[in-house]
Amino acid sequence: LVQPGGSLRLSCAASGSSRSIYAMGWYRQ
């Protein structure tokens, strides 16, 4: 939870067959 105007940092760690990752990013719903 963050107030309007604030900041937040999301992290995502990949494991497994991650050497062949072509792109990484974020979606939201």
PDB file of all heavy atoms in Angstrom:
ATOM      1  N   LEU A   1       0.846  -1.187   0.000  1.00  0.00           N
ATOM      2  CA  LEU A   1       0.000   0.000   0.000  1.00  0.00           C
ATOM      3  C   LEU A   1       0.882   1.237   0.000  1.00  0.00           C
ATOM      4  O   LEU A   1       1.827   1.336   0.792  1.00  0.00           O
ATOM      5  CB  LEU A   1      -0.891  -0.003   1.245  1.00  0.00           C
ATOM      6  CG  LEU A   1      -1.729   1.251   1.507  1.00  0.00           C
ATOM      7  CD1 LEU A   1      -2.764   1.449   0.401  1.00  0.00           C
ATOM      8  CD2 LEU A   1      -2.409   1.144   2.870  1.00  0.00           C
ATOM      9  N   VAL A   2       0.564   2.167  -0.876  1.00  0.00           N
ATOM     10  CA  VAL A   2       1.343   3.405  -0.963  1.00  0.00           C
ATOM     11  C   VAL A   2       0.384   4.565  -1.224  1.00  0.00           C
ATOM     12  O   VAL A   2      -0.663   4.386  -1.862  1.00  0.00           O
ATOM     13  CB  VAL A   2       2.422   3.296  -2.062  1.00  0.00           C
ATOM     14  CG1 VAL A   2       1.792   3.090  -3.425  1.00  0.00           C
ATOM     15  CG2 VAL A   2       3.347   4.490  -2.066  1.00  0.00           C
ATOM     16  N   GLN A   3       0.740   5.730  -0.748  1.00  0.00           N
ATOM     17  CA  GLN A   3      -0.098   6.908  -0.964  1.00  0.00           C
ATOM     18  C   GLN A   3       0.102   7.473  -2.360  1.00  0.00           C
ATOM     19  O   GLN A   3       1.179   7.285  -2.962  1.00  0.00           O
ATOM     20  CB  GLN A   3       0.239   7.979   0.068  1.00  0.00           C
ATOM     21  CG  GLN A   3      -0.161   7.610   1.492  1.00  0.00           C
ATOM     22  CD  GLN A   3       0.030   8.769   2.447  1.00  0.00           C
ATOM     23  OE1 GLN A   3       0.749   9.713   2.165  1.00  0.00           O
ATOM     24  NE2 GLN A   3      -0.628   8.697   3.601  1.00  0.00           N
ATOM     25  N   PRO A   4      -0.896   8.150  -2.886  1.00  0.00           N
ATOM     26  CA  PRO A   4      -0.724   8.806  -4.186  1.00  0.00           C
ATOM     27  C   PRO A   4       0.493   9.721  -4.179  1.00  0.00           C
ATOM     28  O   PRO A   4       0.739  10.446  -3.206  1.00  0.00           O
ATOM     29  CB  PRO A   4      -2.021   9.606  -4.345  1.00  0.00           C
ATOM     30  CG  PRO A   4      -3.017   8.839  -3.541  1.00  0.00           C
ATOM     31  CD  PRO A   4      -2.258   8.309  -2.362  1.00  0.00           C
ATOM     32  N   GLY A   5       1.247   9.652  -5.270  1.00  0.00           N
ATOM     33  CA  GLY A   5       2.477  10.420  -5.369  1.00  0.00           C
ATOM     34  C   GLY A   5       3.692   9.700  -4.835  1.00  0.00           C
ATOM     35  O   GLY A   5       4.824  10.164  -5.030  1.00  0.00           O
ATOM     36  N   GLY A   6       3.480   8.575  -4.203  1.00  0.00           N
ATOM     37  CA  GLY A   6       4.588   7.830  -3.631  1.00  0.00           C
ATOM     38  C   GLY A   6       5.281   6.934  -4.636  1.00  0.00           C
ATOM     39  O   GLY A   6       4.961   6.925  -5.831  1.00  0.00           O
ATOM     40  N   SER A   7       6.238   6.179  -4.122  1.00  0.00           N
ATOM     41  CA  SER A   7       7.039   5.286  -4.958  1.00  0.00           C
ATOM     42  C   SER A   7       7.040   3.881  -4.380  1.00  0.00           C
ATOM     43  O   SER A   7       6.831   3.689  -3.178  1.00  0.00           O
ATOM     44  CB  SER A   7       8.480   5.795  -5.042  1.00  0.00           C
ATOM     45  OG  SER A   7       8.534   7.077  -5.627  1.00  0.00           O
ATOM     46  N   LEU A   8       7.304   2.941  -5.267  1.00  0.00           N
ATOM     47  CA  LEU A   8       7.357   1.536  -4.869  1.00  0.00           C
ATOM     48  C   LEU A   8       8.235   0.805  -5.860  1.00  0.00           C
ATOM     49  O   LEU A   8       8.267   1.162  -7.047  1.00  0.00           O
ATOM     50  CB  LEU A   8       5.948   0.938  -4.873  1.00  0.00           C
ATOM     51  CG  LEU A   8       5.649  -0.277  -3.984  1.00  0.00           C
ATOM     52  CD1 LEU A   8       5.890   0.064  -2.514  1.00  0.00           C
ATOM     53  CD2 LEU A   8       4.208  -0.713  -4.191  1.00  0.00           C
ATOM     54  N   ARG A   9       8.940  -0.191  -5.399  1.00  0.00           N
ATOM     55  CA  ARG A   9       9.813  -0.986  -6.276  1.00  0.00           C
ATOM     56  C   ARG A   9       9.411  -2.448  -6.183  1.00  0.00           C
ATOM     57  O   ARG A   9       9.386  -3.025  -5.093  1.00  0.00           O
ATOM     58  CB  ARG A   9      11.268  -0.824  -5.863  1.00  0.00           C
ATOM     59  CG  ARG A   9      12.275  -1.488  -6.811  1.00  0.00           C
ATOM     60  CD  ARG A   9      13.663  -1.360  -6.255  1.00  0.00           C
ATOM     61  NE  ARG A   9      14.701  -1.738  -7.188  1.00  0.00           N
ATOM     62  CZ  ARG A   9      15.709  -2.550  -6.885  1.00  0.00           C
ATOM     63  NH1 ARG A   9      15.796  -3.067  -5.676  1.00  0.00           N
ATOM     64  NH2 ARG A   9      16.619  -2.839  -7.784  1.00  0.00           N
ATOM     65  N   LEU A  10       9.122  -3.023  -7.334  1.00  0.00           N
ATOM     66  CA  LEU A  10       8.819  -4.441  -7.419  1.00  0.00           C
ATOM     67  C   LEU A  10      10.036  -5.195  -7.921  1.00  0.00           C
ATOM     68  O   LEU A  10      10.783  -4.696  -8.766  1.00  0.00           O
ATOM     69  CB  LEU A  10       7.638  -4.684  -8.368  1.00  0.00           C
ATOM     70  CG  LEU A  10       6.333  -3.946  -8.070  1.00  0.00           C
ATOM     71  CD1 LEU A  10       5.265  -4.363  -9.067  1.00  0.00           C
ATOM     72  CD2 LEU A  10       5.887  -4.173  -6.651  1.00  0.00           C
ATOM     73  N   SER A  11      10.201  -6.392  -7.383  1.00  0.00           N
ATOM     74  CA  SER A  11      11.308  -7.253  -7.800  1.00  0.00           C
ATOM     75  C   SER A  11      10.759  -8.584  -8.282  1.00  0.00           C
ATOM     76  O   SER A  11       9.720  -9.053  -7.811  1.00  0.00           O
ATOM     77  CB  SER A  11      12.271  -7.504  -6.638  1.00  0.00           C
ATOM     78  OG  SER A  11      12.804  -6.295  -6.148  1.00  0.00           O
ATOM     79  N   CYS A  12      11.470  -9.186  -9.208  1.00  0.00           N
ATOM     80  CA  CYS A  12      11.078 -10.498  -9.714  1.00  0.00           C
ATOM     81  C   CYS A  12      12.347 -11.298  -9.979  1.00  0.00           C
ATOM     82  O   CYS A  12      13.224 -10.858 -10.727  1.00  0.00           O
ATOM     83  CB  CYS A  12      10.279 -10.363 -10.989  1.00  0.00           C
ATOM     84  SG  CYS A  12       9.881 -11.936 -11.789  1.00  0.00           S
ATOM     85  N   ALA A  13      12.417 -12.456  -9.360  1.00  0.00           N
ATOM     86  CA  ALA A  13      13.573 -13.331  -9.542  1.00  0.00           C
ATOM     87  C   ALA A  13      13.163 -14.546 -10.360  1.00  0.00           C
ATOM     88  O   ALA A  13      12.132 -15.169 -10.082  1.00  0.00           O
ATOM     89  CB  ALA A  13      14.113 -13.759  -8.188  1.00  0.00           C
ATOM     90  N   ALA A  14      13.971 -14.870 -11.345  1.00  0.00           N
ATOM     91  CA  ALA A  14      13.709 -16.019 -12.205  1.00  0.00           C
ATOM     92  C   ALA A  14      14.641 -17.166 -11.856  1.00  0.00           C
ATOM     93  O   ALA A  14      15.815 -16.951 -11.561  1.00  0.00           O
ATOM     94  CB  ALA A  14      13.882 -15.634 -13.666  1.00  0.00           C
ATOM     95  N   SER A  15      14.115 -18.359 -11.899  1.00  0.00           N
ATOM     96  CA  SER A  15      14.924 -19.557 -11.688  1.00  0.00           C
ATOM     97  C   SER A  15      14.479 -20.621 -12.684  1.00  0.00           C
ATOM     98  O   SER A  15      13.471 -20.472 -13.366  1.00  0.00           O
ATOM     99  CB  SER A  15      14.787 -20.057 -10.249  1.00  0.00           C
ATOM    100  OG  SER A  15      13.441 -20.394  -9.964  1.00  0.00           O
ATOM    101  N   GLY A  16      15.236 -21.685 -12.734  1.00  0.00           N
ATOM    102  CA  GLY A  16      14.936 -22.739 -13.699  1.00  0.00           C
ATOM    103  C   GLY A  16      15.727 -22.507 -14.969  1.00  0.00           C
ATOM    104  O   GLY A  16      16.883 -22.129 -14.929  1.00  0.00           O
ATOM    105  N   SER A  17      15.085 -22.702 -16.098  1.00  0.00           N
ATOM    106  CA  SER A  17      15.749 -22.554 -17.398  1.00  0.00           C
ATOM    107  C   SER A  17      15.758 -21.086 -17.801  1.00  0.00           C
ATOM    108  O   SER A  17      15.187 -20.694 -18.821  1.00  0.00           O
ATOM    109  CB  SER A  17      15.032 -23.394 -18.458  1.00  0.00           C
ATOM    110  OG  SER A  17      14.989 -24.751 -18.074  1.00  0.00           O
ATOM    111  N   SER A  18      16.432 -20.287 -16.984  1.00  0.00           N
ATOM    112  CA  SER A  18      16.341 -18.843 -17.152  1.00  0.00           C
ATOM    113  C   SER A  18      17.411 -18.270 -18.070  1.00  0.00           C
ATOM    114  O   SER A  18      17.424 -17.080 -18.348  1.00  0.00           O
ATOM    115  CB  SER A  18      16.396 -18.156 -15.792  1.00  0.00           C
ATOM    116  OG  SER A  18      17.549 -18.567 -15.093  1.00  0.00           O
ATOM    117  N   ARG A  19      18.308 -19.105 -18.559  1.00  0.00           N
ATOM    118  CA  ARG A  19      19.388 -18.585 -19.391  1.00  0.00           C
ATOM    119  C   ARG A  19      18.880 -18.108 -20.741  1.00  0.00           C
ATOM    120  O   ARG A  19      19.518 -17.271 -21.383  1.00  0.00           O
ATOM    121  CB  ARG A  19      20.448 -19.659 -19.605  1.00  0.00           C
ATOM    122  CG  ARG A  19      21.307 -19.928 -18.407  1.00  0.00           C
ATOM    123  CD  ARG A  19      22.460 -20.848 -18.754  1.00  0.00           C
ATOM    124  NE  ARG A  19      23.370 -21.030 -17.647  1.00  0.00           N
ATOM    125  CZ  ARG A  19      24.486 -21.731 -17.710  1.00  0.00           C
ATOM    126  NH1 ARG A  19      24.831 -22.320 -18.839  1.00  0.00           N
ATOM    127  NH2 ARG A  19      25.260 -21.867 -16.661  1.00  0.00           N
ATOM    128  N   SER A  20      17.768 -18.640 -21.170  1.00  0.00           N
ATOM    129  CA  SER A  20      17.282 -18.334 -22.512  1.00  0.00           C
ATOM    130  C   SER A  20      16.170 -17.296 -22.505  1.00  0.00           C
ATOM    131  O   SER A  20      15.416 -17.211 -23.455  1.00  0.00           O
ATOM    132  CB  SER A  20      16.769 -19.613 -23.187  1.00  0.00           C
ATOM    133  OG  SER A  20      17.787 -20.581 -23.252  1.00  0.00           O
ATOM    134  N   ILE A  21      16.090 -16.522 -21.441  1.00  0.00           N
ATOM    135  CA  ILE A  21      15.030 -15.516 -21.368  1.00  0.00           C
ATOM    136  C   ILE A  21      15.315 -14.404 -22.364  1.00  0.00           C
ATOM    137  O   ILE A  21      16.376 -13.794 -22.339  1.00  0.00           O
ATOM    138  CB  ILE A  21      14.912 -14.948 -19.951  1.00  0.00           C
ATOM    139  CG1 ILE A  21      14.403 -16.032 -18.999  1.00  0.00           C
ATOM    140  CG2 ILE A  21      13.968 -13.757 -19.929  1.00  0.00           C
ATOM    141  CD1 ILE A  21      14.312 -15.591 -17.551  1.00  0.00           C
ATOM    142  N   TYR A  22      14.363 -14.146 -23.234  1.00  0.00           N
ATOM    143  CA  TYR A  22      14.508 -13.130 -24.261  1.00  0.00           C
ATOM    144  C   TYR A  22      14.053 -11.762 -23.764  1.00  0.00           C
ATOM    145  O   TYR A  22      14.612 -10.732 -24.126  1.00  0.00           O
ATOM    146  CB  TYR A  22      13.720 -13.547 -25.492  1.00  0.00           C
ATOM    147  CG  TYR A  22      13.622 -12.496 -26.556  1.00  0.00           C
ATOM    148  CD1 TYR A  22      14.762 -12.029 -27.194  1.00  0.00           C
ATOM    149  CD2 TYR A  22      12.396 -11.958 -26.928  1.00  0.00           C
ATOM    150  CE1 TYR A  22      14.688 -11.061 -28.180  1.00  0.00           C
ATOM    151  CE2 TYR A  22      12.307 -10.990 -27.909  1.00  0.00           C
ATOM    152  CZ  TYR A  22      13.459 -10.550 -28.530  1.00  0.00           C
ATOM    153  OH  TYR A  22      13.378  -9.586 -29.497  1.00  0.00           O
ATOM    154  N   ALA A  23      13.030 -11.764 -22.935  1.00  0.00           N
ATOM    155  CA  ALA A  23      12.499 -10.508 -22.413  1.00  0.00           C
ATOM    156  C   ALA A  23      11.907 -10.752 -21.035  1.00  0.00           C
ATOM    157  O   ALA A  23      11.405 -11.839 -20.748  1.00  0.00           O
ATOM    158  CB  ALA A  23      11.432  -9.944 -23.343  1.00  0.00           C
ATOM    159  N   MET A  24      11.981  -9.729 -20.211  1.00  0.00           N
ATOM    160  CA  MET A  24      11.341  -9.770 -18.894  1.00  0.00           C
ATOM    161  C   MET A  24      10.644  -8.449 -18.666  1.00  0.00           C
ATOM    162  O   MET A  24      11.120  -7.397 -19.115  1.00  0.00           O
ATOM    163  CB  MET A  24      12.352 -10.026 -17.779  1.00  0.00           C
ATOM    164  CG  MET A  24      12.947 -11.408 -17.769  1.00  0.00           C
ATOM    165  SD  MET A  24      13.965 -11.707 -16.293  1.00  0.00           S
ATOM    166  CE  MET A  24      12.688 -11.992 -15.062  1.00  0.00           C
ATOM    167  N   GLY A  25       9.546  -8.519 -17.942  1.00  0.00           N
ATOM    168  CA  GLY A  25       8.837  -7.275 -17.680  1.00  0.00           C
ATOM    169  C   GLY A  25       7.659  -7.486 -16.756  1.00  0.00           C
ATOM    170  O   GLY A  25       7.636  -8.452 -15.987  1.00  0.00           O
ATOM    171  N   TRP A  26       6.709  -6.567 -16.857  1.00  0.00           N
ATOM    172  CA  TRP A  26       5.572  -6.547 -15.941  1.00  0.00           C
ATOM    173  C   TRP A  26       4.269  -6.266 -16.675  1.00  0.00           C
ATOM    174  O   TRP A  26       4.228  -5.412 -17.571  1.00  0.00           O
ATOM    175  CB  TRP A  26       5.791  -5.471 -14.876  1.00  0.00           C
ATOM    176  CG  TRP A  26       7.008  -5.721 -14.051  1.00  0.00           C
ATOM    177  CD1 TRP A  26       8.297  -5.346 -14.321  1.00  0.00           C
ATOM    178  CD2 TRP A  26       7.056  -6.433 -12.805  1.00  0.00           C
ATOM    179  NE1 TRP A  26       9.137  -5.783 -13.325  1.00  0.00           N
ATOM    180  CE2 TRP A  26       8.402  -6.444 -12.374  1.00  0.00           C
ATOM    181  CE3 TRP A  26       6.101  -7.046 -12.004  1.00  0.00           C
ATOM    182  CZ2 TRP A  26       8.806  -7.056 -11.199  1.00  0.00           C
ATOM    183  CZ3 TRP A  26       6.504  -7.641 -10.833  1.00  0.00           C
ATOM    184  CH2 TRP A  26       7.841  -7.646 -10.437  1.00  0.00           C
ATOM    185  N   TYR A  27       3.253  -6.974 -16.252  1.00  0.00           N
ATOM    186  CA  TYR A  27       1.886  -6.702 -16.650  1.00  0.00           C
ATOM    187  C   TYR A  27       1.096  -6.402 -15.379  1.00  0.00           C
ATOM    188  O   TYR A  27       1.563  -6.677 -14.271  1.00  0.00           O
ATOM    189  CB  TYR A  27       1.262  -7.910 -17.364  1.00  0.00           C
ATOM    190  CG  TYR A  27       1.666  -8.053 -18.810  1.00  0.00           C
ATOM    191  CD1 TYR A  27       2.966  -8.408 -19.171  1.00  0.00           C
ATOM    192  CD2 TYR A  27       0.744  -7.850 -19.833  1.00  0.00           C
ATOM    193  CE1 TYR A  27       3.332  -8.539 -20.498  1.00  0.00           C
ATOM    194  CE2 TYR A  27       1.093  -7.994 -21.173  1.00  0.00           C
ATOM    195  CZ  TYR A  27       2.384  -8.336 -21.484  1.00  0.00           C
ATOM    196  OH  TYR A  27       2.740  -8.473 -22.810  1.00  0.00           O
ATOM    197  N   ARG A  28      -0.079  -5.866 -15.537  1.00  0.00           N
ATOM    198  CA  ARG A  28      -0.949  -5.635 -14.381  1.00  0.00           C
ATOM    199  C   ARG A  28      -2.396  -5.880 -14.752  1.00  0.00           C
ATOM    200  O   ARG A  28      -2.772  -5.771 -15.918  1.00  0.00           O
ATOM    201  CB  ARG A  28      -0.758  -4.223 -13.822  1.00  0.00           C
ATOM    202  CG  ARG A  28      -1.268  -3.110 -14.731  1.00  0.00           C
ATOM    203  CD  ARG A  28      -0.913  -1.746 -14.146  1.00  0.00           C
ATOM    204  NE  ARG A  28      -1.378  -0.650 -14.987  1.00  0.00           N
ATOM    205  CZ  ARG A  28      -1.081   0.629 -14.777  1.00  0.00           C
ATOM    206  NH1 ARG A  28      -0.310   0.989 -13.739  1.00  0.00           N
ATOM    207  NH2 ARG A  28      -1.556   1.566 -15.580  1.00  0.00           N
ATOM    208  N   GLN A  29      -3.180  -6.179 -13.732  1.00  0.00           N
ATOM    209  CA  GLN A  29      -4.599  -6.409 -13.939  1.00  0.00           C
ATOM    210  C   GLN A  29      -5.372  -5.789 -12.797  1.00  0.00           C
ATOM    211  O   GLN A  29      -5.200  -6.180 -11.634  1.00  0.00           O
ATOM    212  CB  GLN A  29      -4.903  -7.899 -14.052  1.00  0.00           C
ATOM    213  CG  GLN A  29      -6.330  -8.200 -14.451  1.00  0.00           C
ATOM    214  CD  GLN A  29      -6.521  -9.638 -14.857  1.00  0.00           C
ATOM    215  OE1 GLN A  29      -5.702 -10.508 -14.568  1.00  0.00           O
ATOM    216  NE2 GLN A  29      -7.619  -9.915 -15.559  1.00  0.00           N
TER     217      GLN A  29
END
